[in-house]
Amino acid sequence: MQNAIPVMIDNKQEEEERSYSFLGGISGFVFYWLALSLPFMVYGSNTLFFLLYTWPFFLALMPVSVLLGVAFSMLLRGRLILTLLVTGASVICLFWLLFSFLSGW
């Protein structure tokens, strides 16, 4: 004979905390490409020759942008509008800072 004790199972299961990192990663990636297009809109097609020699610096900003998006999304608990504003502003400023530093303007 087995020693079995009936256990009452609670129908409420623990809710997992939502993951906000996906939204932040996508927003960082999108704002990276928007920031990459900004110098082309401001300075025209001559920017292509400048980026031809400096592309590793700008490519290194892609994971940084995604990580910034994830960090801001986690810190702001997934508030969509505020996450997009802060991520967009920081990625564009970071990109423009690097572009200005490399071009000497």
PDB file of N, CA and C in Angstrom:
ATOM      1  N   MET A   1       0.841  -1.171   0.000  1.00  0.00           N
ATOM      2  CA  MET A   1       0.000   0.000   0.000  1.00  0.00           C
ATOM      3  C   MET A   1       0.889   1.237   0.000  1.00  0.00           C
ATOM      4  N   GLN A   2       0.554   2.203  -0.820  1.00  0.00           N
ATOM      5  CA  GLN A   2       1.348   3.432  -0.911  1.00  0.00           C
ATOM      6  C   GLN A   2       0.852   4.440   0.103  1.00  0.00           C
ATOM      7  N   ASN A   3       1.801   5.241   0.581  1.00  0.00           N
ATOM      8  CA  ASN A   3       1.434   6.356   1.450  1.00  0.00           C
ATOM      9  C   ASN A   3       1.191   7.569   0.564  1.00  0.00           C
ATOM     10  N   ALA A   4      -0.035   7.843   0.287  1.00  0.00           N
ATOM     11  CA  ALA A   4      -0.386   8.959  -0.582  1.00  0.00           C
ATOM     12  C   ALA A   4      -1.219   9.958   0.189  1.00  0.00           C
ATOM     13  N   ILE A   5      -0.841  11.216   0.042  1.00  0.00           N
ATOM     14  CA  ILE A   5      -1.583  12.293   0.689  1.00  0.00           C
ATOM     15  C   ILE A   5      -2.202  13.134  -0.414  1.00  0.00           C
ATOM     16  N   PRO A   6      -3.493  13.340  -0.367  1.00  0.00           N
ATOM     17  CA  PRO A   6      -4.104  14.178  -1.403  1.00  0.00           C
ATOM     18  C   PRO A   6      -3.640  15.629  -1.268  1.00  0.00           C
ATOM     19  N   VAL A   7      -3.231  16.189  -2.373  1.00  0.00           N
ATOM     20  CA  VAL A   7      -2.758  17.571  -2.401  1.00  0.00           C
ATOM     21  C   VAL A   7      -3.757  18.380  -3.215  1.00  0.00           C
ATOM     22  N   MET A   8      -4.185  19.493  -2.650  1.00  0.00           N
ATOM     23  CA  MET A   8      -5.109  20.370  -3.353  1.00  0.00           C
ATOM     24  C   MET A   8      -4.298  21.235  -4.317  1.00  0.00           C
ATOM     25  N   ILE A   9      -4.710  21.240  -5.549  1.00  0.00           N
ATOM     26  CA  ILE A   9      -4.018  22.018  -6.574  1.00  0.00           C
ATOM     27  C   ILE A   9      -4.762  23.327  -6.743  1.00  0.00           C
ATOM     28  N   ASP A  10      -4.012  24.400  -6.619  1.00  0.00           N
ATOM     29  CA  ASP A  10      -4.597  25.731  -6.795  1.00  0.00           C
ATOM     30  C   ASP A  10      -4.713  26.024  -8.282  1.00  0.00           C
ATOM     31  N   ASN A  11      -5.859  26.481  -8.696  1.00  0.00           N
ATOM     32  CA  ASN A  11      -6.065  26.778 -10.113  1.00  0.00           C
ATOM     33  C   ASN A  11      -5.303  28.002 -10.577  1.00  0.00           C
ATOM     34  N   LYS A  12      -4.948  28.854  -9.646  1.00  0.00           N
ATOM     35  CA  LYS A  12      -4.172  30.043 -10.023  1.00  0.00           C
ATOM     36  C   LYS A  12      -2.713  29.647 -10.212  1.00  0.00           C
ATOM     37  N   GLN A  13      -2.219  29.887 -11.376  1.00  0.00           N
ATOM     38  CA  GLN A  13      -0.808  29.645 -11.627  1.00  0.00           C
ATOM     39  C   GLN A  13      -0.083  30.982 -11.550  1.00  0.00           C
ATOM     40  N   GLU A  14       1.148  30.899 -11.137  1.00  0.00           N
ATOM     41  CA  GLU A  14       1.920  32.125 -11.036  1.00  0.00           C
ATOM     42  C   GLU A  14       2.105  32.734 -12.416  1.00  0.00           C
ATOM     43  N   GLU A  15       1.833  34.017 -12.513  1.00  0.00           N
ATOM     44  CA  GLU A  15       2.032  34.704 -13.782  1.00  0.00           C
ATOM     45  C   GLU A  15       3.497  35.058 -13.936  1.00  0.00           C
ATOM     46  N   GLU A  16       4.001  34.793 -15.109  1.00  0.00           N
ATOM     47  CA  GLU A  16       5.375  35.175 -15.384  1.00  0.00           C
ATOM     48  C   GLU A  16       5.417  36.647 -15.743  1.00  0.00           C
ATOM     49  N   GLU A  17       6.509  37.287 -15.374  1.00  0.00           N
ATOM     50  CA  GLU A  17       6.666  38.692 -15.730  1.00  0.00           C
ATOM     51  C   GLU A  17       6.896  38.799 -17.228  1.00  0.00           C
ATOM     52  N   ARG A  18       6.252  39.773 -17.832  1.00  0.00           N
ATOM     53  CA  ARG A  18       6.371  39.943 -19.280  1.00  0.00           C
ATOM     54  C   ARG A  18       7.803  40.290 -19.663  1.00  0.00           C
ATOM     55  N   SER A  19       8.185  39.856 -20.822  1.00  0.00           N
ATOM     56  CA  SER A  19       9.512  40.172 -21.337  1.00  0.00           C
ATOM     57  C   SER A  19       9.418  41.429 -22.200  1.00  0.00           C
ATOM     58  N   TYR A  20      10.122  42.448 -21.800  1.00  0.00           N
ATOM     59  CA  TYR A  20      10.110  43.706 -22.540  1.00  0.00           C
ATOM     60  C   TYR A  20      11.314  43.835 -23.455  1.00  0.00           C
ATOM     61  N   SER A  21      12.191  42.868 -23.443  1.00  0.00           N
ATOM     62  CA  SER A  21      13.438  43.014 -24.181  1.00  0.00           C
ATOM     63  C   SER A  21      13.233  42.952 -25.697  1.00  0.00           C
ATOM     64  N   PHE A  22      12.229  42.220 -26.160  1.00  0.00           N
ATOM     65  CA  PHE A  22      12.020  42.108 -27.604  1.00  0.00           C
ATOM     66  C   PHE A  22      11.660  43.456 -28.209  1.00  0.00           C
ATOM     67  N   LEU A  23      10.766  44.184 -27.559  1.00  0.00           N
ATOM     68  CA  LEU A  23      10.380  45.512 -28.032  1.00  0.00           C
ATOM     69  C   LEU A  23      11.588  46.442 -28.076  1.00  0.00           C
ATOM     70  N   GLY A  24      12.408  46.405 -27.051  1.00  0.00           N
ATOM     71  CA  GLY A  24      13.588  47.255 -27.008  1.00  0.00           C
ATOM     72  C   GLY A  24      14.609  46.901 -28.067  1.00  0.00           C
ATOM     73  N   GLY A  25      14.812  45.616 -28.293  1.00  0.00           N
ATOM     74  CA  GLY A  25      15.754  45.187 -29.326  1.00  0.00           C
ATOM     75  C   GLY A  25      15.318  45.616 -30.713  1.00  0.00           C
ATOM     76  N   ILE A  26      14.041  45.464 -30.993  1.00  0.00           N
ATOM     77  CA  ILE A  26      13.516  45.873 -32.301  1.00  0.00           C
ATOM     78  C   ILE A  26      13.606  47.385 -32.462  1.00  0.00           C
ATOM     79  N   SER A  27      13.264  48.134 -31.420  1.00  0.00           N
ATOM     80  CA  SER A  27      13.318  49.596 -31.532  1.00  0.00           C
ATOM     81  C   SER A  27      14.755  50.085 -31.702  1.00  0.00           C
ATOM     82  N   GLY A  28      15.710  49.477 -30.999  1.00  0.00           N
ATOM     83  CA  GLY A  28      17.112  49.848 -31.178  1.00  0.00           C
ATOM     84  C   GLY A  28      17.608  49.557 -32.577  1.00  0.00           C
ATOM     85  N   PHE A  29      17.199  48.414 -33.134  1.00  0.00           N
ATOM     86  CA  PHE A  29      17.602  48.042 -34.492  1.00  0.00           C
ATOM     87  C   PHE A  29      16.998  48.991 -35.522  1.00  0.00           C
ATOM     88  N   VAL A  30      15.729  49.337 -35.374  1.00  0.00           N
ATOM     89  CA  VAL A  30      15.070  50.243 -36.322  1.00  0.00           C
ATOM     90  C   VAL A  30      15.676  51.643 -36.243  1.00  0.00           C
ATOM     91  N   PHE A  31      15.914  52.126 -35.034  1.00  0.00           N
ATOM     92  CA  PHE A  31      16.490  53.458 -34.902  1.00  0.00           C
ATOM     93  C   PHE A  31      17.937  53.509 -35.372  1.00  0.00           C
ATOM     94  N   TYR A  32      18.643  52.379 -35.333  1.00  0.00           N
ATOM     95  CA  TYR A  32      19.990  52.344 -35.905  1.00  0.00           C
ATOM     96  C   TYR A  32      19.933  52.632 -37.404  1.00  0.00           C
ATOM     97  N   TRP A  33      19.017  51.965 -38.109  1.00  0.00           N
ATOM     98  CA  TRP A  33      18.924  52.173 -39.551  1.00  0.00           C
ATOM     99  C   TRP A  33      18.398  53.561 -39.887  1.00  0.00           C
ATOM    100  N   LEU A  34      17.531  54.092 -39.051  1.00  0.00           N
ATOM    101  CA  LEU A  34      17.082  55.472 -39.270  1.00  0.00           C
ATOM    102  C   LEU A  34      18.223  56.463 -39.056  1.00  0.00           C
ATOM    103  N   ALA A  35      19.040  56.201 -38.032  1.00  0.00           N
ATOM    104  CA  ALA A  35      20.181  57.076 -37.780  1.00  0.00           C
ATOM    105  C   ALA A  35      21.230  56.958 -38.888  1.00  0.00           C
ATOM    106  N   LEU A  36      21.358  55.781 -39.474  1.00  0.00           N
ATOM    107  CA  LEU A  36      22.299  55.616 -40.584  1.00  0.00           C
ATOM    108  C   LEU A  36      21.849  56.394 -41.813  1.00  0.00           C
ATOM    109  N   SER A  37      20.560  56.544 -41.985  1.00  0.00           N
ATOM    110  CA  SER A  37      20.058  57.278 -43.153  1.00  0.00           C
ATOM    111  C   SER A  37      20.098  58.798 -42.964  1.00  0.00           C
ATOM    112  N   LEU A  38      20.221  59.260 -41.738  1.00  0.00           N
ATOM    113  CA  LEU A  38      20.244  60.705 -41.472  1.00  0.00           C
ATOM    114  C   LEU A  38      21.369  61.449 -42.181  1.00  0.00           C
ATOM    115  N   PRO A  39      22.628  60.980 -42.122  1.00  0.00           N
ATOM    116  CA  PRO A  39      23.682  61.712 -42.847  1.00  0.00           C
ATOM    117  C   PRO A  39      23.452  61.760 -44.356  1.00  0.00           C
ATOM    118  N   PHE A  40      22.829  60.726 -44.898  1.00  0.00           N
ATOM    119  CA  PHE A  40      22.524  60.737 -46.335  1.00  0.00           C
ATOM    120  C   PHE A  40      21.485  61.804 -46.654  1.00  0.00           C
ATOM    121  N   MET A  41      20.528  61.990 -45.750  1.00  0.00           N
ATOM    122  CA  MET A  41      19.512  63.019 -45.984  1.00  0.00           C
ATOM    123  C   MET A  41      20.082  64.426 -45.818  1.00  0.00           C
ATOM    124  N   VAL A  42      21.024  64.589 -44.908  1.00  0.00           N
ATOM    125  CA  VAL A  42      21.572  65.917 -44.640  1.00  0.00           C
ATOM    126  C   VAL A  42      22.647  66.284 -45.657  1.00  0.00           C
ATOM    127  N   TYR A  43      23.590  65.364 -45.915  1.00  0.00           N
ATOM    128  CA  TYR A  43      24.741  65.687 -46.746  1.00  0.00           C
ATOM    129  C   TYR A  43      24.688  65.101 -48.149  1.00  0.00           C
ATOM    130  N   GLY A  44      23.741  64.274 -48.441  1.00  0.00           N
ATOM    131  CA  GLY A  44      23.597  63.737 -49.785  1.00  0.00           C
ATOM    132  C   GLY A  44      24.442  62.502 -50.031  1.00  0.00           C
ATOM    133  N   SER A  45      24.658  62.224 -51.289  1.00  0.00           N
ATOM    134  CA  SER A  45      25.328  60.980 -51.670  1.00  0.00           C
ATOM    135  C   SER A  45      26.830  60.997 -51.392  1.00  0.00           C
ATOM    136  N   ASN A  46      27.423  62.140 -51.097  1.00  0.00           N
ATOM    137  CA  ASN A  46      28.849  62.186 -50.758  1.00  0.00           C
ATOM    138  C   ASN A  46      29.144  61.466 -49.452  1.00  0.00           C
ATOM    139  N   THR A  47      28.125  61.249 -48.654  1.00  0.00           N
ATOM    140  CA  THR A  47      28.298  60.528 -47.400  1.00  0.00           C
ATOM    141  C   THR A  47      28.746  59.100 -47.651  1.00  0.00           C
ATOM    142  N   LEU A  48      28.372  58.549 -48.783  1.00  0.00           N
ATOM    143  CA  LEU A  48      28.740  57.173 -49.100  1.00  0.00           C
ATOM    144  C   LEU A  48      30.256  57.001 -49.144  1.00  0.00           C
ATOM    145  N   PHE A  49      30.981  57.959 -49.690  1.00  0.00           N
ATOM    146  CA  PHE A  49      32.438  57.868 -49.740  1.00  0.00           C
ATOM    147  C   PHE A  49      33.052  57.958 -48.351  1.00  0.00           C
ATOM    148  N   PHE A  50      32.437  58.752 -47.492  1.00  0.00           N
ATOM    149  CA  PHE A  50      32.921  58.853 -46.116  1.00  0.00           C
ATOM    150  C   PHE A  50      32.681  57.536 -45.367  1.00  0.00           C
ATOM    151  N   LEU A  51      31.508  56.960 -45.555  1.00  0.00           N
ATOM    152  CA  LEU A  51      31.186  55.704 -44.868  1.00  0.00           C
ATOM    153  C   LEU A  51      31.950  54.518 -45.433  1.00  0.00           C
ATOM    154  N   LEU A  52      32.470  54.660 -46.638  1.00  0.00           N
ATOM    155  CA  LEU A  52      33.245  53.587 -47.245  1.00  0.00           C
ATOM    156  C   LEU A  52      34.486  53.271 -46.414  1.00  0.00           C
ATOM    157  N   TYR A  53      35.090  54.286 -45.830  1.00  0.00           N
ATOM    158  CA  TYR A  53      36.304  54.093 -45.054  1.00  0.00           C
ATOM    159  C   TYR A  53      36.047  53.947 -43.561  1.00  0.00           C
ATOM    160  N   THR A  54      34.906  54.360 -43.096  1.00  0.00           N
ATOM    161  CA  THR A  54      34.645  54.353 -41.649  1.00  0.00           C
ATOM    162  C   THR A  54      33.548  53.374 -41.254  1.00  0.00           C
ATOM    163  N   TRP A  55      33.163  52.434 -42.136  1.00  0.00           N
ATOM    164  CA  TRP A  55      32.044  51.545 -41.849  1.00  0.00           C
ATOM    165  C   TRP A  55      32.222  50.681 -40.608  1.00  0.00           C
ATOM    166  N   PRO A  56      33.444  50.253 -40.205  1.00  0.00           N
ATOM    167  CA  PRO A  56      33.520  49.428 -38.986  1.00  0.00           C
ATOM    168  C   PRO A  56      33.050  50.167 -37.731  1.00  0.00           C
ATOM    169  N   PHE A  57      33.302  51.471 -37.670  1.00  0.00           N
ATOM    170  CA  PHE A  57      32.855  52.242 -36.512  1.00  0.00           C
ATOM    171  C   PHE A  57      31.331  52.283 -36.436  1.00  0.00           C
ATOM    172  N   PHE A  58      30.716  52.480 -37.579  1.00  0.00           N
ATOM    173  CA  PHE A  58      29.260  52.571 -37.598  1.00  0.00           C
ATOM    174  C   PHE A  58      28.611  51.195 -37.435  1.00  0.00           C
ATOM    175  N   LEU A  59      29.269  50.167 -37.922  1.00  0.00           N
ATOM    176  CA  LEU A  59      28.750  48.821 -37.727  1.00  0.00           C
ATOM    177  C   LEU A  59      28.814  48.418 -36.256  1.00  0.00           C
ATOM    178  N   ALA A  60      29.811  48.912 -35.543  1.00  0.00           N
ATOM    179  CA  ALA A  60      29.929  48.612 -34.116  1.00  0.00           C
ATOM    180  C   ALA A  60      28.811  49.263 -33.302  1.00  0.00           C
ATOM    181  N   LEU A  61      28.149  50.257 -33.855  1.00  0.00           N
ATOM    182  CA  LEU A  61      27.041  50.884 -33.140  1.00  0.00           C
ATOM    183  C   LEU A  61      25.757  50.060 -33.184  1.00  0.00           C
ATOM    184  N   MET A  62      25.668  49.073 -34.065  1.00  0.00           N
ATOM    185  CA  MET A  62      24.430  48.292 -34.144  1.00  0.00           C
ATOM    186  C   MET A  62      24.159  47.500 -32.871  1.00  0.00           C
ATOM    187  N   PRO A  63      25.100  46.691 -32.362  1.00  0.00           N
ATOM    188  CA  PRO A  63      24.792  45.996 -31.103  1.00  0.00           C
ATOM    189  C   PRO A  63      24.624  46.950 -29.931  1.00  0.00           C
ATOM    190  N   VAL A  64      25.333  48.069 -29.963  1.00  0.00           N
ATOM    191  CA  VAL A  64      25.169  49.064 -28.901  1.00  0.00           C
ATOM    192  C   VAL A  64      23.755  49.630 -28.936  1.00  0.00           C
ATOM    193  N   SER A  65      23.241  49.889 -30.120  1.00  0.00           N
ATOM    194  CA  SER A  65      21.884  50.418 -30.255  1.00  0.00           C
ATOM    195  C   SER A  65      20.841  49.413 -29.781  1.00  0.00           C
ATOM    196  N   VAL A  66      21.035  48.158 -30.126  1.00  0.00           N
ATOM    197  CA  VAL A  66      20.092  47.129 -29.682  1.00  0.00           C
ATOM    198  C   VAL A  66      20.141  46.977 -28.164  1.00  0.00           C
ATOM    199  N   LEU A  67      21.336  46.995 -27.595  1.00  0.00           N
ATOM    200  CA  LEU A  67      21.461  46.891 -26.140  1.00  0.00           C
ATOM    201  C   LEU A  67      20.875  48.104 -25.433  1.00  0.00           C
ATOM    202  N   LEU A  68      21.037  49.286 -26.009  1.00  0.00           N
ATOM    203  CA  LEU A  68      20.405  50.471 -25.429  1.00  0.00           C
ATOM    204  C   LEU A  68      18.881  50.344 -25.449  1.00  0.00           C
ATOM    205  N   GLY A  69      18.349  49.847 -26.555  1.00  0.00           N
ATOM    206  CA  GLY A  69      16.913  49.648 -26.640  1.00  0.00           C
ATOM    207  C   GLY A  69      16.405  48.653 -25.613  1.00  0.00           C
ATOM    208  N   VAL A  70      17.122  47.549 -25.430  1.00  0.00           N
ATOM    209  CA  VAL A  70      16.733  46.540 -24.442  1.00  0.00           C
ATOM    210  C   VAL A  70      16.815  47.125 -23.032  1.00  0.00           C
ATOM    211  N   ALA A  71      17.892  47.843 -22.744  1.00  0.00           N
ATOM    212  CA  ALA A  71      18.067  48.414 -21.404  1.00  0.00           C
ATOM    213  C   ALA A  71      16.987  49.440 -21.086  1.00  0.00           C
ATOM    214  N   PHE A  72      16.693  50.327 -22.023  1.00  0.00           N
ATOM    215  CA  PHE A  72      15.655  51.324 -21.769  1.00  0.00           C
ATOM    216  C   PHE A  72      14.279  50.689 -21.648  1.00  0.00           C
ATOM    217  N   SER A  73      14.033  49.658 -22.438  1.00  0.00           N
ATOM    218  CA  SER A  73      12.747  48.980 -22.368  1.00  0.00           C
ATOM    219  C   SER A  73      12.568  48.279 -21.020  1.00  0.00           C
ATOM    220  N   MET A  74      13.635  47.670 -20.517  1.00  0.00           N
ATOM    221  CA  MET A  74      13.550  47.005 -19.217  1.00  0.00           C
ATOM    222  C   MET A  74      13.433  48.022 -18.080  1.00  0.00           C
ATOM    223  N   LEU A  75      14.167  49.122 -18.183  1.00  0.00           N
ATOM    224  CA  LEU A  75      14.101  50.141 -17.132  1.00  0.00           C
ATOM    225  C   LEU A  75      12.751  50.842 -17.079  1.00  0.00           C
ATOM    226  N   LEU A  76      12.150  51.031 -18.233  1.00  0.00           N
ATOM    227  CA  LEU A  76      10.866  51.733 -18.301  1.00  0.00           C
ATOM    228  C   LEU A  76       9.680  50.781 -18.263  1.00  0.00           C
ATOM    229  N   ARG A  77       9.929  49.503 -18.005  1.00  0.00           N
ATOM    230  CA  ARG A  77       8.890  48.481 -17.858  1.00  0.00           C
ATOM    231  C   ARG A  77       7.951  48.389 -19.053  1.00  0.00           C
ATOM    232  N   GLY A  78       8.511  48.553 -20.238  1.00  0.00           N
ATOM    233  CA  GLY A  78       7.739  48.338 -21.448  1.00  0.00           C
ATOM    234  C   GLY A  78       6.772  49.439 -21.825  1.00  0.00           C
ATOM    235  N   ARG A  79       6.916  50.630 -21.251  1.00  0.00           N
ATOM    236  CA  ARG A  79       6.062  51.749 -21.688  1.00  0.00           C
ATOM    237  C   ARG A  79       6.499  52.132 -23.092  1.00  0.00           C
ATOM    238  N   LEU A  80       5.630  51.872 -24.048  1.00  0.00           N
ATOM    239  CA  LEU A  80       5.993  51.907 -25.461  1.00  0.00           C
ATOM    240  C   LEU A  80       6.455  53.283 -25.927  1.00  0.00           C
ATOM    241  N   ILE A  81       5.651  54.303 -25.703  1.00  0.00           N
ATOM    242  CA  ILE A  81       5.972  55.636 -26.227  1.00  0.00           C
ATOM    243  C   ILE A  81       7.258  56.172 -25.613  1.00  0.00           C
ATOM    244  N   LEU A  82       7.392  56.038 -24.303  1.00  0.00           N
ATOM    245  CA  LEU A  82       8.583  56.547 -23.631  1.00  0.00           C
ATOM    246  C   LEU A  82       9.833  55.761 -24.044  1.00  0.00           C
ATOM    247  N   THR A  83       9.681  54.461 -24.215  1.00  0.00           N
ATOM    248  CA  THR A  83      10.804  53.638 -24.667  1.00  0.00           C
ATOM    249  C   THR A  83      11.260  54.053 -26.058  1.00  0.00           C
ATOM    250  N   LEU A  84      10.306  54.269 -26.947  1.00  0.00           N
ATOM    251  CA  LEU A  84      10.659  54.678 -28.307  1.00  0.00           C
ATOM    252  C   LEU A  84      11.318  56.047 -28.327  1.00  0.00           C
ATOM    253  N   LEU A  85      10.807  56.978 -27.528  1.00  0.00           N
ATOM    254  CA  LEU A  85      11.396  58.322 -27.500  1.00  0.00           C
ATOM    255  C   LEU A  85      12.823  58.309 -26.965  1.00  0.00           C
ATOM    256  N   VAL A  86      13.029  57.629 -25.850  1.00  0.00           N
ATOM    257  CA  VAL A  86      14.358  57.621 -25.229  1.00  0.00           C
ATOM    258  C   VAL A  86      15.348  56.832 -26.084  1.00  0.00           C
ATOM    259  N   THR A  87      14.923  55.688 -26.596  1.00  0.00           N
ATOM    260  CA  THR A  87      15.815  54.888 -27.445  1.00  0.00           C
ATOM    261  C   THR A  87      16.163  55.641 -28.718  1.00  0.00           C
ATOM    262  N   GLY A  88      15.167  56.232 -29.354  1.00  0.00           N
ATOM    263  CA  GLY A  88      15.418  56.983 -30.579  1.00  0.00           C
ATOM    264  C   GLY A  88      16.360  58.148 -30.361  1.00  0.00           C
ATOM    265  N   ALA A  89      16.131  58.902 -29.305  1.00  0.00           N
ATOM    266  CA  ALA A  89      16.996  60.054 -29.026  1.00  0.00           C
ATOM    267  C   ALA A  89      18.426  59.623 -28.722  1.00  0.00           C
ATOM    268  N   SER A  90      18.582  58.576 -27.931  1.00  0.00           N
ATOM    269  CA  SER A  90      19.940  58.164 -27.562  1.00  0.00           C
ATOM    270  C   SER A  90      20.695  57.550 -28.740  1.00  0.00           C
ATOM    271  N   VAL A  91      20.027  56.752 -29.558  1.00  0.00           N
ATOM    272  CA  VAL A  91      20.702  56.128 -30.706  1.00  0.00           C
ATOM    273  C   VAL A  91      21.074  57.179 -31.745  1.00  0.00           C
ATOM    274  N   ILE A  92      20.173  58.089 -32.025  1.00  0.00           N
ATOM    275  CA  ILE A  92      20.464  59.131 -33.012  1.00  0.00           C
ATOM    276  C   ILE A  92      21.577  60.052 -32.518  1.00  0.00           C
ATOM    277  N   CYS A  93      21.548  60.416 -31.243  1.00  0.00           N
ATOM    278  CA  CYS A  93      22.626  61.259 -30.696  1.00  0.00           C
ATOM    279  C   CYS A  93      23.958  60.529 -30.693  1.00  0.00           C
ATOM    280  N   LEU A  94      23.949  59.249 -30.365  1.00  0.00           N
ATOM    281  CA  LEU A  94      25.190  58.473 -30.373  1.00  0.00           C
ATOM    282  C   LEU A  94      25.751  58.345 -31.789  1.00  0.00           C
ATOM    283  N   PHE A  95      24.881  58.097 -32.739  1.00  0.00           N
ATOM    284  CA  PHE A  95      25.306  57.983 -34.131  1.00  0.00           C
ATOM    285  C   PHE A  95      25.841  59.313 -34.644  1.00  0.00           C
ATOM    286  N   TRP A  96      25.126  60.388 -34.337  1.00  0.00           N
ATOM    287  CA  TRP A  96      25.554  61.701 -34.813  1.00  0.00           C
ATOM    288  C   TRP A  96      26.849  62.144 -34.135  1.00  0.00           C
ATOM    289  N   LEU A  97      27.042  61.761 -32.883  1.00  0.00           N
ATOM    290  CA  LEU A  97      28.273  62.069 -32.186  1.00  0.00           C
ATOM    291  C   LEU A  97      29.453  61.381 -32.854  1.00  0.00           C
ATOM    292  N   LEU A  98      29.297  60.120 -33.215  1.00  0.00           N
ATOM    293  CA  LEU A  98      30.370  59.394 -33.899  1.00  0.00           C
ATOM    294  C   LEU A  98      30.627  59.985 -35.286  1.00  0.00           C
ATOM    295  N   PHE A  99      29.573  60.296 -35.997  1.00  0.00           N
ATOM    296  CA  PHE A  99      29.735  60.888 -37.333  1.00  0.00           C
ATOM    297  C   PHE A  99      30.454  62.230 -37.240  1.00  0.00           C
ATOM    298  N   SER A 100      30.080  63.057 -36.284  1.00  0.00           N
ATOM    299  CA  SER A 100      30.732  64.357 -36.119  1.00  0.00           C
ATOM    300  C   SER A 100      32.186  64.212 -35.685  1.00  0.00           C
ATOM    301  N   PHE A 101      32.444  63.250 -34.818  1.00  0.00           N
ATOM    302  CA  PHE A 101      33.814  63.038 -34.342  1.00  0.00           C
ATOM    303  C   PHE A 101      34.724  62.569 -35.478  1.00  0.00           C
ATOM    304  N   LEU A 102      34.232  61.637 -36.292  1.00  0.00           N
ATOM    305  CA  LEU A 102      35.065  61.114 -37.378  1.00  0.00           C
ATOM    306  C   LEU A 102      35.235  62.101 -38.521  1.00  0.00           C
ATOM    307  N   SER A 103      34.207  62.904 -38.773  1.00  0.00           N
ATOM    308  CA  SER A 103      34.322  63.828 -39.882  1.00  0.00           C
ATOM    309  C   SER A 103      35.006  65.142 -39.486  1.00  0.00           C
ATOM    310  N   GLY A 104      35.125  65.403 -38.207  1.00  0.00           N
ATOM    311  CA  GLY A 104      35.806  66.607 -37.739  1.00  0.00           C
ATOM    312  C   GLY A 104      34.984  67.872 -37.855  1.00  0.00           C
ATOM    313  N   TRP A 105      33.649  67.729 -37.936  1.00  0.00           N
ATOM    314  CA  TRP A 105      32.796  68.908 -38.059  1.00  0.00           C
ATOM    315  C   TRP A 105      32.283  69.322 -36.718  1.00  0.00           C
TER     316      TRP A 105
END
